[in-house]
């Protein structure tokens, strides 16, 4: 059996575009100088939190299961990962099996994914490429990558591929549709950004709501049922490819802030509720997009751009200034979806509604109409979710939509609109060209399409202009700091810069939309060319140019500007050696030399907020603070109530602090009074690795337990909550001057002690209590397992018999062998589905491979779905 020649031909075309995408990423991300890499703030934090674990691996050959370098200890699954066997992840399938390397992969995955989506809709290749470029260079993706949110951006990139699979299923290409859906949704979940995967699920849900409404209206229940069933199977298969990681995360989440707090919320605002098993709603909604801020989708600088916008003019030499004046606390860039793409989206909507009105019985008009309905509904839902606290319905959704209260940053929901806008937009211009050159609609309909598109586009930009006219370009909190540091004159100059940026970008959007409107007019009048095939090529090339100019021009502001800022170097680039180096400072070395018994350190060099948002100290010390988005909720309670000054009863005094004492915090890293050097302050009140207590104090509530930490003598008293008090045999224990417990061995996953006590004793250990299904600390006394206790709200305790004893704590992660089998098998099935689909297409008869109606050949032909 011979390979079909047409298949090979289309494969070559497809790979040429793929190569073009790769080259584009290389050009855009070319460093300004050899040996430079992108600055990514969050990735530096990741390197710091992994640093000590990597050193353990160098010595033992294995990563530890418990990370002892941030928040006094936490499971390492969300830091260094858990063992997996997914072939999708191992072979990086949609990254061309690992051939496309970091940092180029995030742009490439987005372009490839959107390209396949548009081709599955039978859109011309050039128009599909324009959509791919537009999607990849949307500023939310670009600024997120610049900040180091790698997994988020990669998962976003794969989202259109999920929709491509559903399109194929709706076209009755069941085998290929199942494979594509499973492959791309598998990559979304394997990139491990669960909030993006959740939004992908919402997108799929909206798709099937529209699909079933259409099925009911058309009475096509059989096909809708088959499509839904295969999609559910495919997505379930995708989830199985990382079931071990998902299970680990789900179990750990119960102990984190996303699993809720044991302490009743103090949020007493009328009418507000706090999710019982999720994040506090105020915290979760802290990154809600402003209502008028949604105009940044059309005008990038509508709210001043970023909190660190590059400026170089007569008033300010090369520097970055806080030009942003929107609702967010700060931002590294706007959510801009392109004046070109939004105009095309409007065109696509208008084409669909005018077409169905003119030919209500036309099968293709109906299909396009339902795509437009899906696009409209999805964009509206995406924007509503993105508004967070600024839209009344979101509080209800937060409290009732399953798992929704586990996530923060509502504005991230705008990623759904990012997928749909270029999809509907480029599908719309493709259909418009086909209708005009196929003479399938009347001149009146063509005119209506042109007029309605122009009117809606003008209305959108008009509203943006009205809002700008009435804006005072103020950002209250930011402006206060500007006045304090530079005076009112500086503030007025910055307001002028904000105004200038907004108006310049409004003019920019008007120009781009005007050019596209002119292009639509030329197509409508067939003045560009009289040939349909020529029109597709000409319009495709022009739109690629316009979309690239639009999206890459704005993206360049927030990632790849190579302009030199004299005081700080390149804004977005740094020397590779600087990026890789993790070296102790002089004060770090001072602590390392002095700290022979492994006391903890609290890093106050950046204030109390920096203490719990930075991992610098954890690279070299057992850190009380640190940075991780999934901090244990009980630990956060201790921070809020006992350590930080904003905790309602916490003293904020780091020297006289009971919580730091019980955590065996022996050193404070700080800054000298003149703020010119780093200093170390010893804490002599640190209580050591373990100690015996003689009295048990029961706290009726979790909050009372926290308050008791601040007031009780923790050397003699142990605080237990009602659930743990039942497990303790006595309220009083005998201790004397000879009672002692000494740590004799320490590693991440195992700690050993030697104890001596005249009578039965209750020992407290300055280690974090953790006991969940994904992992747990087990305690052994002379080799026999004993009952572990949670004491002092977050610490471990155990009753020890009289005499001399050997105590050991061992961390035991859950058995993952079953998960590994499921991951390998499910990913193998997905790869076999894709391979089988390609083989079927490759060996189909020549006559079975048909061209599209407009003469173009796409991946639909390549994969046998034409």
Foldseek 3Di string as FASTA:
>chain_A
DFFFPVLVVQVVVVVVLLVVQLVVLCVQLPAPDPQKDWAAAVVLQLCLQCQVQVVVCVVVVDGDQKRLQFQNIDGCCVRPNDDFQFPCVCQVVLQVRCPRDPPSSLLSLLLVLQLLQLVLVVFFNLLSNLLSLLLSLFQVLLLCVSNPVVLLSNLLSLLSQLVSLLSLLLLVVLLQSLLSNLSSLLSNVVSPPVVSNVLSVVLVVLLLVLVVVLCVVVVPVVSSVSSVVSNVVSNVLSCLLPVVSVVLCVFLLCQFLQQAFQDDDPPPPPPADQARGGHGLCQQALQAFAPLLVLCQQFFLLQHFFCFFFDDDPVDHTGTHGLGAGSHPTGLGGRYSFLLLQLLLLLLLLLLVLLCVQPVPDPVSSVSVSLNVSLVVQQVVLNQQRRRVNHVCNSVCCRPPPSNRHHGRSNSSNSSNSSSSSSSSSVSVSVLLCCQLVVVDDLVSLVSSLVSSVVVSCVSLVVSVVVLVPDQSDRVVSLVVCCVVPNPVSVVVSSVVSSVSRVVSSVVSVVLSVVVSVLSVCSNVVVVHNASVVNSVVVSVVSSVSSCCGSSVSSCRNEPDCDADPVPGGPTMDRNVVSPDQDDDPVLVVCVVVVPQQAEEFECAPHLVVRACHSNSSSRHSYSHGYDPTHRNLSVLLCQCFACPNNPNHPVDPQPGLLSQLLRHFWYWYADPVRPDIDIDTRPSRPGFKAWAFFEDEDAGLVVLSVCSRPPDVRHYKYAYPVQVVVDDDGGDDADPPWDKAWDDDDSFKTKIKTAGQAKTKMWGSHFADDTQQKGKWKDKQRHTFDWGAISSTTIMGIDGHGIIMMMIGMDGHDCPVSNVSSNVSSVVSVVSVVVQQVCLRPDDPVQQDDDPSRRRHVCSSSSND
